[in-house]
Amino acid sequence: MDQEQPPPITKPSRFKRAADVWGRVRRHPPTVIGLAIVVFFLLMAVFGPVIAPYKFSDQIATARLQGPSWEHWFGTDQFGRDVMSRLLWGARDIFLVAGFGTALAVLAGATLGLISGYAGRWVDEGVMRFLDVLLSLPPLLLAMVLLGSVGPSRFNIIIVVGVLYVPMVARVVRSVVLDIKTREFVEAAKLRGERGSYIMSREILPNALPALAVESSMRFSYAIFLVASLGFLGLGVQPPAPDWGLMVNEARSWFDQAPWMLFFPAGAIAFLIVGVGFLSDGMRRILWPTGVSE
């Protein structure tokens, strides 16, 4: 009598996997809120210069320090520039500078973490002690020193953000690699005679991606705050660029006469950081649930 064959195992479709992820996201309302905030600001960065009623540098002498109105929804600054237009234009700088800086940190940090964790011994010891030196310095102070040496510009800020956050990313990736490299599938790859580069890129890195994605989102939120802080200190993108941190700095002297100059850029920075933080926490719950309780 023929034995009944078990039904073939089929992988879930991409639509079903996406639906499962969205179902887990919806069970955590702060994650939905964070996603909505980030998407809103991302759309602002993409379409802001197109929908802005004025160019960020346009000065209207007759409209200096005007409060919010139908013509200027967020009011104007001391030069008669439209605050809302400057916020819309500045969103792109925040995302580009913080985003590219974070990407640089993730790329370099993941590479160092992989090599250090997999090689071990003196390689691991040397890399980690060098990174410990960088971690011992306050990030904002180190950023000020570096930018004071090379000068403030978008490119230099991206490099500085990358340098500052490489140690954090590398340590997270290294800790994951130390656990993964003891797994059976890694040992099997070694027995097959696979090269170290193959094992790191094909066996270890894909399994470290969830932790790397969570760490990347966290570093992005810190990078946003760092870029805004550098702009506030005058070490970010220079005037007349619509940098949000620079707008907050310029608004301090006019707070008594025009508080809207301070409230709107400071609120934009705060909302974006909170949104990325909520989204990062949601990613941690979904992608890297170890130690996370619902």
C-alpha atoms as a PDB file:
ATOM      1  CA  MET A   1       0.000   0.000   0.000  1.00  0.00           C
ATOM      2  CA  ASP A   2       1.449   3.293  -1.068  1.00  0.00           C
ATOM      3  CA  GLN A   3       2.297   5.702   1.693  1.00  0.00           C
ATOM      4  CA  GLU A   4       0.712   9.124   1.444  1.00  0.00           C
ATOM      5  CA  GLN A   5       3.281  11.740   0.551  1.00  0.00           C
ATOM      6  CA  PRO A   6       3.416  14.840   2.794  1.00  0.00           C
ATOM      7  CA  PRO A   7       2.389  18.079   1.074  1.00  0.00           C
ATOM      8  CA  PRO A   8       5.281  20.140  -0.268  1.00  0.00           C
ATOM      9  CA  ILE A   9       6.548  22.953   1.964  1.00  0.00           C
ATOM     10  CA  THR A  10       5.949  26.298   0.342  1.00  0.00           C
ATOM     11  CA  LYS A  11       7.491  29.570   1.388  1.00  0.00           C
ATOM     12  CA  PRO A  12       5.087  32.356   2.287  1.00  0.00           C
ATOM     13  CA  SER A  13       4.653  34.976  -0.412  1.00  0.00           C
ATOM     14  CA  ARG A  14       6.117  38.439  -0.093  1.00  0.00           C
ATOM     15  CA  PHE A  15       2.608  39.813   0.349  1.00  0.00           C
ATOM     16  CA  LYS A  16       1.944  37.464   3.265  1.00  0.00           C
ATOM     17  CA  ARG A  17       5.285  38.285   4.900  1.00  0.00           C
ATOM     18  CA  ALA A  18       4.587  42.007   4.526  1.00  0.00           C
ATOM     19  CA  ALA A  19       1.105  41.497   5.983  1.00  0.00           C
ATOM     20  CA  ASP A  20       2.596  39.637   8.963  1.00  0.00           C
ATOM     21  CA  VAL A  21       5.085  42.445   9.607  1.00  0.00           C
ATOM     22  CA  TRP A  22       2.338  45.078   9.352  1.00  0.00           C
ATOM     23  CA  GLY A  23       0.207  43.054  11.767  1.00  0.00           C
ATOM     24  CA  ARG A  24       3.019  43.102  14.325  1.00  0.00           C
ATOM     25  CA  VAL A  25       3.546  46.830  13.761  1.00  0.00           C
ATOM     26  CA  ARG A  26      -0.132  47.591  14.384  1.00  0.00           C
ATOM     27  CA  ARG A  27      -0.012  45.817  17.743  1.00  0.00           C
ATOM     28  CA  HIS A  28       2.415  48.508  18.958  1.00  0.00           C
ATOM     29  CA  PRO A  29       0.781  51.951  18.477  1.00  0.00           C
ATOM     30  CA  PRO A  30       3.970  53.995  19.128  1.00  0.00           C
ATOM     31  CA  THR A  31       5.566  52.255  16.156  1.00  0.00           C
ATOM     32  CA  VAL A  32       2.667  53.315  13.912  1.00  0.00           C
ATOM     33  CA  ILE A  33       2.965  56.873  15.212  1.00  0.00           C
ATOM     34  CA  GLY A  34       6.714  56.864  14.610  1.00  0.00           C
ATOM     35  CA  LEU A  35       6.274  55.501  11.097  1.00  0.00           C
ATOM     36  CA  ALA A  36       3.696  58.199  10.294  1.00  0.00           C
ATOM     37  CA  ILE A  37       5.970  60.964  11.597  1.00  0.00           C
ATOM     38  CA  VAL A  38       9.004  59.717   9.672  1.00  0.00           C
ATOM     39  CA  VAL A  39       7.005  59.316   6.446  1.00  0.00           C
ATOM     40  CA  PHE A  40       5.597  62.827   6.871  1.00  0.00           C
ATOM     41  CA  PHE A  41       9.049  64.384   7.255  1.00  0.00           C
ATOM     42  CA  LEU A  42      10.441  62.243   4.441  1.00  0.00           C
ATOM     43  CA  LEU A  43       7.725  63.551   2.121  1.00  0.00           C
ATOM     44  CA  MET A  44       8.576  67.043   3.338  1.00  0.00           C
ATOM     45  CA  ALA A  45      12.214  66.480   2.394  1.00  0.00           C
ATOM     46  CA  VAL A  46      11.310  65.151  -1.062  1.00  0.00           C
ATOM     47  CA  PHE A  47       8.590  67.605  -2.037  1.00  0.00           C
ATOM     48  CA  GLY A  48       9.294  70.520   0.333  1.00  0.00           C
ATOM     49  CA  PRO A  49      11.200  72.712  -2.140  1.00  0.00           C
ATOM     50  CA  VAL A  50       8.424  72.170  -4.698  1.00  0.00           C
ATOM     51  CA  ILE A  51       5.491  73.064  -2.459  1.00  0.00           C
ATOM     52  CA  ALA A  52       7.239  75.815  -0.455  1.00  0.00           C
ATOM     53  CA  PRO A  53       5.534  79.153  -1.189  1.00  0.00           C
ATOM     54  CA  TYR A  54       8.889  80.983  -1.190  1.00  0.00           C
ATOM     55  CA  LYS A  55      12.533  80.189  -1.707  1.00  0.00           C
ATOM     56  CA  PHE A  56      14.420  79.775   1.576  1.00  0.00           C
ATOM     57  CA  SER A  57      16.529  82.889   0.906  1.00  0.00           C
ATOM     58  CA  ASP A  58      13.742  85.210  -0.274  1.00  0.00           C
ATOM     59  CA  GLN A  59      13.615  88.347   1.869  1.00  0.00           C
ATOM     60  CA  ILE A  60      10.492  90.496   2.105  1.00  0.00           C
ATOM     61  CA  ALA A  61      11.464  93.771   3.769  1.00  0.00           C
ATOM     62  CA  THR A  62       7.855  94.739   4.471  1.00  0.00           C
ATOM     63  CA  ALA A  63       7.094  91.430   6.228  1.00  0.00           C
ATOM     64  CA  ARG A  64       9.806  91.352   8.898  1.00  0.00           C
ATOM     65  CA  LEU A  65       8.870  89.567  12.148  1.00  0.00           C
ATOM     66  CA  GLN A  66       5.264  89.011  11.119  1.00  0.00           C
ATOM     67  CA  GLY A  67       3.335  86.415  13.098  1.00  0.00           C
ATOM     68  CA  PRO A  68       1.612  83.386  11.600  1.00  0.00           C
ATOM     69  CA  SER A  69      -1.015  84.390   9.034  1.00  0.00           C
ATOM     70  CA  TRP A  70      -2.698  83.110   5.885  1.00  0.00           C
ATOM     71  CA  GLU A  71       0.169  84.542   3.842  1.00  0.00           C
ATOM     72  CA  HIS A  72       2.931  83.221   6.121  1.00  0.00           C
ATOM     73  CA  TRP A  73       1.615  80.198   8.016  1.00  0.00           C
ATOM     74  CA  PHE A  74       4.614  79.977  10.364  1.00  0.00           C
ATOM     75  CA  GLY A  75       5.401  83.686  10.365  1.00  0.00           C
ATOM     76  CA  THR A  76       8.566  85.399   9.157  1.00  0.00           C
ATOM     77  CA  ASP A  77      12.017  85.985  10.634  1.00  0.00           C
ATOM     78  CA  GLN A  78      14.102  89.113  11.176  1.00  0.00           C
ATOM     79  CA  PHE A  79      14.931  89.328   7.469  1.00  0.00           C
ATOM     80  CA  GLY A  80      11.375  88.815   6.268  1.00  0.00           C
ATOM     81  CA  ARG A  81      12.020  85.210   5.221  1.00  0.00           C
ATOM     82  CA  ASP A  82       9.112  82.773   5.372  1.00  0.00           C
ATOM     83  CA  VAL A  83       9.730  80.343   8.263  1.00  0.00           C
ATOM     84  CA  MET A  84       7.602  77.557   6.797  1.00  0.00           C
ATOM     85  CA  SER A  85       9.463  77.707   3.491  1.00  0.00           C
ATOM     86  CA  ARG A  86      12.793  77.505   5.302  1.00  0.00           C
ATOM     87  CA  LEU A  87      11.575  74.487   7.269  1.00  0.00           C
ATOM     88  CA  LEU A  88      10.447  72.753   4.087  1.00  0.00           C
ATOM     89  CA  TRP A  89      13.743  73.424   2.345  1.00  0.00           C
ATOM     90  CA  GLY A  90      15.781  72.463   5.430  1.00  0.00           C
ATOM     91  CA  ALA A  91      14.177  69.032   5.796  1.00  0.00           C
ATOM     92  CA  ARG A  92      16.162  67.795   2.811  1.00  0.00           C
ATOM     93  CA  ASP A  93      19.472  68.827   4.399  1.00  0.00           C
ATOM     94  CA  ILE A  94      18.613  67.075   7.648  1.00  0.00           C
ATOM     95  CA  PHE A  95      17.804  63.796   5.902  1.00  0.00           C
ATOM     96  CA  LEU A  96      20.731  63.930   3.479  1.00  0.00           C
ATOM     97  CA  VAL A  97      23.447  64.886   5.958  1.00  0.00           C
ATOM     98  CA  ALA A  98      22.221  62.683   8.824  1.00  0.00           C
ATOM     99  CA  GLY A  99      21.287  59.860   6.434  1.00  0.00           C
ATOM    100  CA  PHE A 100      24.579  59.725   4.531  1.00  0.00           C
ATOM    101  CA  GLY A 101      26.539  60.098   7.771  1.00  0.00           C
ATOM    102  CA  THR A 102      24.631  57.184   9.283  1.00  0.00           C
ATOM    103  CA  ALA A 103      25.114  55.099   6.133  1.00  0.00           C
ATOM    104  CA  LEU A 104      28.862  55.740   6.266  1.00  0.00           C
ATOM    105  CA  ALA A 105      28.967  54.745   9.944  1.00  0.00           C
ATOM    106  CA  VAL A 106      26.955  51.580   9.283  1.00  0.00           C
ATOM    107  CA  LEU A 107      29.114  50.525   6.330  1.00  0.00           C
ATOM    108  CA  ALA A 108      32.423  51.085   8.119  1.00  0.00           C
ATOM    109  CA  GLY A 109      31.200  49.858  11.493  1.00  0.00           C
ATOM    110  CA  ALA A 110      29.681  46.673  10.082  1.00  0.00           C
ATOM    111  CA  THR A 111      32.917  45.895   8.246  1.00  0.00           C
ATOM    112  CA  LEU A 112      35.055  46.430  11.344  1.00  0.00           C
ATOM    113  CA  GLY A 113      32.633  44.478  13.529  1.00  0.00           C
ATOM    114  CA  LEU A 114      32.555  41.538  11.138  1.00  0.00           C
ATOM    115  CA  ILE A 115      36.327  41.335  10.790  1.00  0.00           C
ATOM    116  CA  SER A 116      36.986  41.884  14.489  1.00  0.00           C
ATOM    117  CA  GLY A 117      34.387  39.397  15.711  1.00  0.00           C
ATOM    118  CA  TYR A 118      35.250  36.681  13.202  1.00  0.00           C
ATOM    119  CA  ALA A 119      39.058  36.976  13.359  1.00  0.00           C
ATOM    120  CA  GLY A 120      39.278  37.266  17.153  1.00  0.00           C
ATOM    121  CA  ARG A 121      42.568  37.213  19.049  1.00  0.00           C
ATOM    122  CA  TRP A 122      44.920  40.137  18.458  1.00  0.00           C
ATOM    123  CA  VAL A 123      42.836  41.557  15.600  1.00  0.00           C
ATOM    124  CA  ASP A 124      39.776  41.791  17.827  1.00  0.00           C
ATOM    125  CA  GLU A 125      41.800  43.201  20.708  1.00  0.00           C
ATOM    126  CA  GLY A 126      43.475  45.874  18.567  1.00  0.00           C
ATOM    127  CA  VAL A 127      40.300  47.035  16.827  1.00  0.00           C
ATOM    128  CA  MET A 128      38.247  47.139  20.021  1.00  0.00           C
ATOM    129  CA  ARG A 129      40.849  49.092  21.992  1.00  0.00           C
ATOM    130  CA  PHE A 130      41.059  51.683  19.208  1.00  0.00           C
ATOM    131  CA  LEU A 131      37.283  52.005  19.167  1.00  0.00           C
ATOM    132  CA  ASP A 132      37.259  52.311  22.963  1.00  0.00           C
ATOM    133  CA  VAL A 133      39.479  55.367  22.634  1.00  0.00           C
ATOM    134  CA  LEU A 134      36.950  56.992  20.303  1.00  0.00           C
ATOM    135  CA  LEU A 135      34.075  56.036  22.618  1.00  0.00           C
ATOM    136  CA  SER A 136      35.796  57.646  25.587  1.00  0.00           C
ATOM    137  CA  LEU A 137      35.464  61.088  23.969  1.00  0.00           C
ATOM    138  CA  PRO A 138      32.123  62.961  24.128  1.00  0.00           C
ATOM    139  CA  PRO A 139      30.617  62.830  20.596  1.00  0.00           C
ATOM    140  CA  LEU A 140      29.702  66.517  20.409  1.00  0.00           C
ATOM    141  CA  LEU A 141      33.125  67.599  21.667  1.00  0.00           C
ATOM    142  CA  LEU A 142      34.899  65.327  19.173  1.00  0.00           C
ATOM    143  CA  ALA A 143      32.665  66.643  16.383  1.00  0.00           C
ATOM    144  CA  MET A 144      33.515  70.229  17.304  1.00  0.00           C
ATOM    145  CA  VAL A 145      37.238  69.452  17.290  1.00  0.00           C
ATOM    146  CA  LEU A 146      37.084  67.690  13.921  1.00  0.00           C
ATOM    147  CA  LEU A 147      34.951  70.358  12.263  1.00  0.00           C
ATOM    148  CA  GLY A 148      37.112  73.080  13.780  1.00  0.00           C
ATOM    149  CA  SER A 149      40.067  71.447  12.020  1.00  0.00           C
ATOM    150  CA  VAL A 150      38.569  70.782   8.584  1.00  0.00           C
ATOM    151  CA  GLY A 151      35.894  73.482   8.467  1.00  0.00           C
ATOM    152  CA  PRO A 152      32.089  73.206   8.354  1.00  0.00           C
ATOM    153  CA  SER A 153      30.498  71.924   5.158  1.00  0.00           C
ATOM    154  CA  ARG A 154      27.940  69.284   4.225  1.00  0.00           C
ATOM    155  CA  PHE A 155      30.606  66.808   3.149  1.00  0.00           C
ATOM    156  CA  ASN A 156      32.706  67.317   6.276  1.00  0.00           C
ATOM    157  CA  ILE A 157      29.682  66.938   8.551  1.00  0.00           C
ATOM    158  CA  ILE A 158      28.806  63.636   6.849  1.00  0.00           C
ATOM    159  CA  ILE A 159      32.361  62.382   7.430  1.00  0.00           C
ATOM    160  CA  VAL A 160      32.313  63.506  11.074  1.00  0.00           C
ATOM    161  CA  VAL A 161      28.947  61.837  11.747  1.00  0.00           C
ATOM    162  CA  GLY A 162      30.266  58.636  10.196  1.00  0.00           C
ATOM    163  CA  VAL A 163      33.469  58.691  12.263  1.00  0.00           C
ATOM    164  CA  LEU A 164      31.579  59.345  15.499  1.00  0.00           C
ATOM    165  CA  TYR A 165      29.142  56.447  15.149  1.00  0.00           C
ATOM    166  CA  VAL A 166      31.443  53.792  13.683  1.00  0.00           C
ATOM    167  CA  PRO A 167      32.458  52.490  17.163  1.00  0.00           C
ATOM    168  CA  MET A 168      28.851  51.985  18.318  1.00  0.00           C
ATOM    169  CA  VAL A 169      27.870  50.102  15.170  1.00  0.00           C
ATOM    170  CA  ALA A 170      31.051  48.009  15.205  1.00  0.00           C
ATOM    171  CA  ARG A 171      30.539  46.914  18.820  1.00  0.00           C
ATOM    172  CA  VAL A 172      26.941  45.827  18.172  1.00  0.00           C
ATOM    173  CA  VAL A 173      27.897  43.876  15.037  1.00  0.00           C
ATOM    174  CA  ARG A 174      30.872  42.288  16.800  1.00  0.00           C
ATOM    175  CA  SER A 175      28.698  41.057  19.667  1.00  0.00           C
ATOM    176  CA  VAL A 176      26.292  39.447  17.205  1.00  0.00           C
ATOM    177  CA  VAL A 177      29.133  37.899  15.192  1.00  0.00           C
ATOM    178  CA  LEU A 178      30.668  36.360  18.329  1.00  0.00           C
ATOM    179  CA  ASP A 179      27.400  34.499  18.861  1.00  0.00           C
ATOM    180  CA  ILE A 180      26.722  33.545  15.237  1.00  0.00           C
ATOM    181  CA  LYS A 181      30.204  32.235  14.431  1.00  0.00           C
ATOM    182  CA  THR A 182      29.733  29.396  16.924  1.00  0.00           C
ATOM    183  CA  ARG A 183      26.610  28.120  15.157  1.00  0.00           C
ATOM    184  CA  GLU A 184      26.586  24.804  13.315  1.00  0.00           C
ATOM    185  CA  PHE A 185      26.061  26.278   9.834  1.00  0.00           C
ATOM    186  CA  VAL A 186      29.229  28.373  10.209  1.00  0.00           C
ATOM    187  CA  GLU A 187      31.197  25.327  11.344  1.00  0.00           C
ATOM    188  CA  ALA A 188      29.812  23.419   8.367  1.00  0.00           C
ATOM    189  CA  ALA A 189      30.997  26.138   6.016  1.00  0.00           C
ATOM    190  CA  LYS A 190      34.486  25.921   7.539  1.00  0.00           C
ATOM    191  CA  LEU A 191      34.498  22.138   7.065  1.00  0.00           C
ATOM    192  CA  ARG A 192      33.578  22.649   3.406  1.00  0.00           C
ATOM    193  CA  GLY A 193      36.731  24.730   3.075  1.00  0.00           C
ATOM    194  CA  GLU A 194      34.985  28.046   2.437  1.00  0.00           C
ATOM    195  CA  ARG A 195      37.098  31.183   2.675  1.00  0.00           C
ATOM    196  CA  GLY A 196      36.704  33.587   5.568  1.00  0.00           C
ATOM    197  CA  SER A 197      35.360  36.328   3.295  1.00  0.00           C
ATOM    198  CA  TYR A 198      32.656  33.974   2.023  1.00  0.00           C
ATOM    199  CA  ILE A 199      31.650  32.909   5.529  1.00  0.00           C
ATOM    200  CA  MET A 200      31.452  36.509   6.740  1.00  0.00           C
ATOM    201  CA  SER A 201      29.468  37.799   3.752  1.00  0.00           C
ATOM    202  CA  ARG A 202      27.199  34.798   3.053  1.00  0.00           C
ATOM    203  CA  GLU A 203      26.764  33.033   6.384  1.00  0.00           C
ATOM    204  CA  ILE A 204      27.248  35.588   9.175  1.00  0.00           C
ATOM    205  CA  LEU A 205      26.218  38.968   7.727  1.00  0.00           C
ATOM    206  CA  PRO A 206      22.671  37.942   6.645  1.00  0.00           C
ATOM    207  CA  ASN A 207      21.991  36.706  10.178  1.00  0.00           C
ATOM    208  CA  ALA A 208      23.367  39.927  11.670  1.00  0.00           C
ATOM    209  CA  LEU A 209      21.188  42.183   9.497  1.00  0.00           C
ATOM    210  CA  PRO A 210      18.258  42.466  11.959  1.00  0.00           C
ATOM    211  CA  ALA A 211      20.527  43.779  14.712  1.00  0.00           C
ATOM    212  CA  LEU A 212      22.300  46.016  12.200  1.00  0.00           C
ATOM    213  CA  ALA A 213      19.007  47.462  10.960  1.00  0.00           C
ATOM    214  CA  VAL A 214      17.901  48.278  14.501  1.00  0.00           C
ATOM    215  CA  GLU A 215      21.238  49.892  15.326  1.00  0.00           C
ATOM    216  CA  SER A 216      21.129  51.891  12.084  1.00  0.00           C
ATOM    217  CA  SER A 217      17.758  53.390  12.959  1.00  0.00           C
ATOM    218  CA  MET A 218      19.021  54.334  16.417  1.00  0.00           C
ATOM    219  CA  ARG A 219      22.157  55.946  15.000  1.00  0.00           C
ATOM    220  CA  PHE A 220      20.019  57.897  12.528  1.00  0.00           C
ATOM    221  CA  SER A 221      18.031  59.490  15.356  1.00  0.00           C
ATOM    222  CA  TYR A 222      21.259  60.443  17.144  1.00  0.00           C
ATOM    223  CA  ALA A 223      22.687  61.793  13.880  1.00  0.00           C
ATOM    224  CA  ILE A 224      19.671  64.074  13.407  1.00  0.00           C
ATOM    225  CA  PHE A 225      20.193  65.533  16.863  1.00  0.00           C
ATOM    226  CA  LEU A 226      23.954  65.882  16.292  1.00  0.00           C
ATOM    227  CA  VAL A 227      23.504  67.676  12.959  1.00  0.00           C
ATOM    228  CA  ALA A 228      20.970  70.046  14.526  1.00  0.00           C
ATOM    229  CA  SER A 229      23.296  70.659  17.490  1.00  0.00           C
ATOM    230  CA  LEU A 230      26.214  71.469  15.198  1.00  0.00           C
ATOM    231  CA  GLY A 231      24.002  73.885  13.271  1.00  0.00           C
ATOM    232  CA  PHE A 232      22.973  75.540  16.546  1.00  0.00           C
ATOM    233  CA  LEU A 233      26.656  75.980  17.492  1.00  0.00           C
ATOM    234  CA  GLY A 234      27.494  77.463  14.098  1.00  0.00           C
ATOM    235  CA  LEU A 235      29.520  74.435  12.982  1.00  0.00           C
ATOM    236  CA  GLY A 236      26.891  73.007  10.644  1.00  0.00           C
ATOM    237  CA  VAL A 237      25.760  74.153   7.231  1.00  0.00           C
ATOM    238  CA  GLN A 238      26.492  77.852   7.025  1.00  0.00           C
ATOM    239  CA  PRO A 239      24.034  80.737   6.416  1.00  0.00           C
ATOM    240  CA  PRO A 240      21.875  81.429   4.534  1.00  0.00           C
ATOM    241  CA  ALA A 241      21.151  77.687   4.328  1.00  0.00           C
ATOM    242  CA  PRO A 242      17.874  76.742   6.079  1.00  0.00           C
ATOM    243  CA  ASP A 243      19.494  74.454   8.639  1.00  0.00           C
ATOM    244  CA  TRP A 244      17.037  73.780  11.482  1.00  0.00           C
ATOM    245  CA  GLY A 245      19.674  74.042  14.204  1.00  0.00           C
ATOM    246  CA  LEU A 246      20.912  77.317  12.740  1.00  0.00           C
ATOM    247  CA  MET A 247      17.327  78.615  12.656  1.00  0.00           C
ATOM    248  CA  VAL A 248      16.980  77.861  16.378  1.00  0.00           C
ATOM    249  CA  ASN A 249      20.235  79.686  17.078  1.00  0.00           C
ATOM    250  CA  GLU A 250      19.158  82.757  15.099  1.00  0.00           C
ATOM    251  CA  ALA A 251      15.763  82.774  16.827  1.00  0.00           C
ATOM    252  CA  ARG A 252      17.201  83.111  20.339  1.00  0.00           C
ATOM    253  CA  SER A 253      17.843  86.831  19.979  1.00  0.00           C
ATOM    254  CA  TRP A 254      14.308  87.461  18.727  1.00  0.00           C
ATOM    255  CA  PHE A 255      12.360  85.211  21.072  1.00  0.00           C
ATOM    256  CA  ASP A 256      10.592  88.058  22.878  1.00  0.00           C
ATOM    257  CA  GLN A 257       9.404  89.615  19.619  1.00  0.00           C
ATOM    258  CA  ALA A 258       8.940  86.528  17.455  1.00  0.00           C
ATOM    259  CA  PRO A 259       8.660  83.281  19.474  1.00  0.00           C
ATOM    260  CA  TRP A 260       7.392  81.422  16.397  1.00  0.00           C
ATOM    261  CA  MET A 261      10.907  81.662  14.941  1.00  0.00           C
ATOM    262  CA  LEU A 262      12.038  79.290  17.708  1.00  0.00           C
ATOM    263  CA  PHE A 263       8.981  77.100  18.243  1.00  0.00           C
ATOM    264  CA  PHE A 264       8.590  75.760  14.717  1.00  0.00           C
ATOM    265  CA  PRO A 265      12.191  74.630  13.938  1.00  0.00           C
ATOM    266  CA  ALA A 266      12.701  73.326  17.492  1.00  0.00           C
ATOM    267  CA  GLY A 267       9.385  71.479  17.264  1.00  0.00           C
ATOM    268  CA  ALA A 268      10.338  69.979  13.901  1.00  0.00           C
ATOM    269  CA  ILE A 269      13.624  68.661  15.333  1.00  0.00           C
ATOM    270  CA  ALA A 270      11.879  67.232  18.396  1.00  0.00           C
ATOM    271  CA  PHE A 271       9.061  65.565  16.453  1.00  0.00           C
ATOM    272  CA  LEU A 272      11.431  63.985  13.939  1.00  0.00           C
ATOM    273  CA  ILE A 273      13.734  62.596  16.641  1.00  0.00           C
ATOM    274  CA  VAL A 274      10.770  61.236  18.613  1.00  0.00           C
ATOM    275  CA  GLY A 275       9.315  59.682  15.446  1.00  0.00           C
ATOM    276  CA  VAL A 276      12.583  57.964  14.537  1.00  0.00           C
ATOM    277  CA  GLY A 277      12.915  56.790  18.144  1.00  0.00           C
ATOM    278  CA  PHE A 278       9.441  55.231  18.139  1.00  0.00           C
ATOM    279  CA  LEU A 279      10.130  53.588  14.775  1.00  0.00           C
ATOM    280  CA  SER A 280      13.486  52.290  15.990  1.00  0.00           C
ATOM    281  CA  ASP A 281      11.869  50.730  19.055  1.00  0.00           C
ATOM    282  CA  GLY A 282       9.279  49.075  16.833  1.00  0.00           C
ATOM    283  CA  MET A 283      11.984  47.667  14.559  1.00  0.00           C
ATOM    284  CA  ARG A 284      13.742  46.263  17.628  1.00  0.00           C
ATOM    285  CA  ARG A 285      10.563  44.494  18.698  1.00  0.00           C
ATOM    286  CA  ILE A 286       9.949  43.041  15.238  1.00  0.00           C
ATOM    287  CA  LEU A 287      13.448  42.263  13.939  1.00  0.00           C
ATOM    288  CA  TRP A 288      15.416  41.691  17.110  1.00  0.00           C
ATOM    289  CA  PRO A 289      12.948  40.561  19.761  1.00  0.00           C
ATOM    290  CA  THR A 290      15.498  38.973  22.123  1.00  0.00           C
ATOM    291  CA  GLY A 291      14.922  40.363  25.580  1.00  0.00           C
ATOM    292  CA  VAL A 292      11.951  42.480  24.475  1.00  0.00           C
ATOM    293  CA  SER A 293       8.675  41.923  26.297  1.00  0.00           C
ATOM    294  CA  GLU A 294       5.375  42.927  24.780  1.00  0.00           C
END
